[in-house]
Amino acid sequence: MTIYVGNLSFDVTQDDLVSVFSDYGKVNKAFLPTDRETGKLRGFAFVDLANDDEELEAIEALDGASWMGRNMKVNKARPRERK
């Protein structure tokens, strides 16, 4: 499972994400998408933890939590819709 993390500060770094989510398990991957034209962060990320139980625990603990001046939206990522 992949975790979607929304409403992030535009100052967040990949190391920041790994630091927060490592409290819930081993972080296999943390990805912060950037805008293709500007290269700036888009305000959301995707995180993969080592197992589903750790991911569910992180979602329960962090959804709605205040971090870096914003209330995060944390949930199971949905597959990308094709247009």
C-alpha atoms as a PDB file:
ATOM      1  CA  MET A   1       0.000   0.000   0.000  1.00  0.00           C
ATOM      2  CA  THR A   2       1.088   3.548  -0.606  1.00  0.00           C
ATOM      3  CA  ILE A   3       0.156   6.442   1.678  1.00  0.00           C
ATOM      4  CA  TYR A   4      -0.988   9.782   0.259  1.00  0.00           C
ATOM      5  CA  VAL A   5       0.054  12.790   2.361  1.00  0.00           C
ATOM      6  CA  GLY A   6      -1.695  16.031   1.423  1.00  0.00           C
ATOM      7  CA  ASN A   7      -1.814  19.648   2.532  1.00  0.00           C
ATOM      8  CA  LEU A   8       1.930  19.729   3.116  1.00  0.00           C
ATOM      9  CA  SER A   9       4.009  22.817   3.638  1.00  0.00           C
ATOM     10  CA  PHE A  10       5.937  23.811   0.520  1.00  0.00           C
ATOM     11  CA  ASP A  11       9.059  23.850   2.726  1.00  0.00           C
ATOM     12  CA  VAL A  12       8.921  20.129   3.531  1.00  0.00           C
ATOM     13  CA  THR A  13      11.823  17.943   2.369  1.00  0.00           C
ATOM     14  CA  GLN A  14      12.135  14.247   1.700  1.00  0.00           C
ATOM     15  CA  ASP A  15      14.228  13.935   4.881  1.00  0.00           C
ATOM     16  CA  ASP A  16      11.426  15.613   6.869  1.00  0.00           C
ATOM     17  CA  LEU A  17       8.922  13.061   5.562  1.00  0.00           C
ATOM     18  CA  VAL A  18      11.187  10.124   6.320  1.00  0.00           C
ATOM     19  CA  SER A  19      11.774  11.459   9.832  1.00  0.00           C
ATOM     20  CA  VAL A  20       8.053  11.740  10.633  1.00  0.00           C
ATOM     21  CA  PHE A  21       7.001   8.429   9.097  1.00  0.00           C
ATOM     22  CA  SER A  22       9.944   6.441  10.481  1.00  0.00           C
ATOM     23  CA  ASP A  23       8.247   6.698  13.891  1.00  0.00           C
ATOM     24  CA  TYR A  24       5.767   4.121  12.501  1.00  0.00           C
ATOM     25  CA  GLY A  25       8.144   1.787  10.675  1.00  0.00           C
ATOM     26  CA  LYS A  26      10.839   1.495   8.038  1.00  0.00           C
ATOM     27  CA  VAL A  27      10.276   3.968   5.208  1.00  0.00           C
ATOM     28  CA  ASN A  28      10.934   2.244   1.887  1.00  0.00           C
ATOM     29  CA  LYS A  29      10.197   5.309  -0.232  1.00  0.00           C
ATOM     30  CA  ALA A  30       9.144   8.943   0.153  1.00  0.00           C
ATOM     31  CA  PHE A  31       8.281  10.924  -2.977  1.00  0.00           C
ATOM     32  CA  LEU A  32       7.491  14.646  -3.229  1.00  0.00           C
ATOM     33  CA  PRO A  33       6.124  15.454  -6.719  1.00  0.00           C
ATOM     34  CA  THR A  34       7.131  18.729  -8.295  1.00  0.00           C
ATOM     35  CA  ASP A  35       5.435  20.869 -10.921  1.00  0.00           C
ATOM     36  CA  ARG A  36       6.821  20.086 -14.379  1.00  0.00           C
ATOM     37  CA  GLU A  37       7.071  23.714 -15.436  1.00  0.00           C
ATOM     38  CA  THR A  38       8.213  25.470 -12.260  1.00  0.00           C
ATOM     39  CA  GLY A  39       9.995  22.652 -10.409  1.00  0.00           C
ATOM     40  CA  LYS A  40       8.247  23.721  -7.194  1.00  0.00           C
ATOM     41  CA  LEU A  41       6.688  21.243  -4.781  1.00  0.00           C
ATOM     42  CA  ARG A  42       3.009  20.501  -5.337  1.00  0.00           C
ATOM     43  CA  GLY A  43       2.040  20.263  -1.640  1.00  0.00           C
ATOM     44  CA  PHE A  44       1.569  16.518  -1.391  1.00  0.00           C
ATOM     45  CA  ALA A  45       3.652  13.348  -1.170  1.00  0.00           C
ATOM     46  CA  PHE A  46       3.566   9.568  -1.285  1.00  0.00           C
ATOM     47  CA  VAL A  47       5.158   7.350   1.361  1.00  0.00           C
ATOM     48  CA  ASP A  48       5.690   3.576   1.394  1.00  0.00           C
ATOM     49  CA  LEU A  49       6.371   1.818   4.682  1.00  0.00           C
ATOM     50  CA  ALA A  50       7.675  -1.731   5.132  1.00  0.00           C
ATOM     51  CA  ASN A  51       4.277  -3.323   5.824  1.00  0.00           C
ATOM     52  CA  ASP A  52       0.551  -2.598   5.751  1.00  0.00           C
ATOM     53  CA  ASP A  53       0.116  -2.624   9.552  1.00  0.00           C
ATOM     54  CA  GLU A  54       2.714   0.142   9.932  1.00  0.00           C
ATOM     55  CA  GLU A  55       1.053   2.147   7.175  1.00  0.00           C
ATOM     56  CA  LEU A  56      -2.382   1.849   8.791  1.00  0.00           C
ATOM     57  CA  GLU A  57      -0.931   2.959  12.130  1.00  0.00           C
ATOM     58  CA  ALA A  58       0.709   5.987  10.485  1.00  0.00           C
ATOM     59  CA  ILE A  59      -2.547   6.918   8.730  1.00  0.00           C
ATOM     60  CA  GLU A  60      -4.540   6.744  11.977  1.00  0.00           C
ATOM     61  CA  ALA A  61      -1.966   8.755  13.907  1.00  0.00           C
ATOM     62  CA  LEU A  62      -1.145  11.438  11.353  1.00  0.00           C
ATOM     63  CA  ASP A  63      -4.398  12.161   9.496  1.00  0.00           C
ATOM     64  CA  GLY A  64      -5.401  15.661  10.568  1.00  0.00           C
ATOM     65  CA  ALA A  65      -2.225  16.189  12.595  1.00  0.00           C
ATOM     66  CA  SER A  66      -0.673  19.644  12.559  1.00  0.00           C
ATOM     67  CA  TRP A  67       2.822  19.672  11.046  1.00  0.00           C
ATOM     68  CA  MET A  68       4.841  22.638   9.829  1.00  0.00           C
ATOM     69  CA  GLY A  69       1.832  24.928  10.263  1.00  0.00           C
ATOM     70  CA  ARG A  70      -0.660  22.783   8.307  1.00  0.00           C
ATOM     71  CA  ASN A  71      -3.114  19.992   9.081  1.00  0.00           C
ATOM     72  CA  MET A  72      -2.006  16.986   7.062  1.00  0.00           C
ATOM     73  CA  LYS A  73      -4.417  14.808   5.114  1.00  0.00           C
ATOM     74  CA  VAL A  74      -3.109  11.238   5.321  1.00  0.00           C
ATOM     75  CA  ASN A  75      -4.842   8.262   3.728  1.00  0.00           C
ATOM     76  CA  LYS A  76      -4.381   5.232   1.515  1.00  0.00           C
ATOM     77  CA  ALA A  77      -3.362   6.393  -1.954  1.00  0.00           C
ATOM     78  CA  ARG A  78      -5.806   5.659  -4.761  1.00  0.00           C
ATOM     79  CA  PRO A  79      -4.645   4.416  -8.153  1.00  0.00           C
ATOM     80  CA  ARG A  80      -4.052   7.157 -10.677  1.00  0.00           C
ATOM     81  CA  GLU A  81      -7.026   7.725 -12.947  1.00  0.00           C
ATOM     82  CA  ARG A  82      -6.302   7.532 -16.657  1.00  0.00           C
ATOM     83  CA  LYS A  83      -7.817  10.247 -18.856  1.00  0.00           C
END
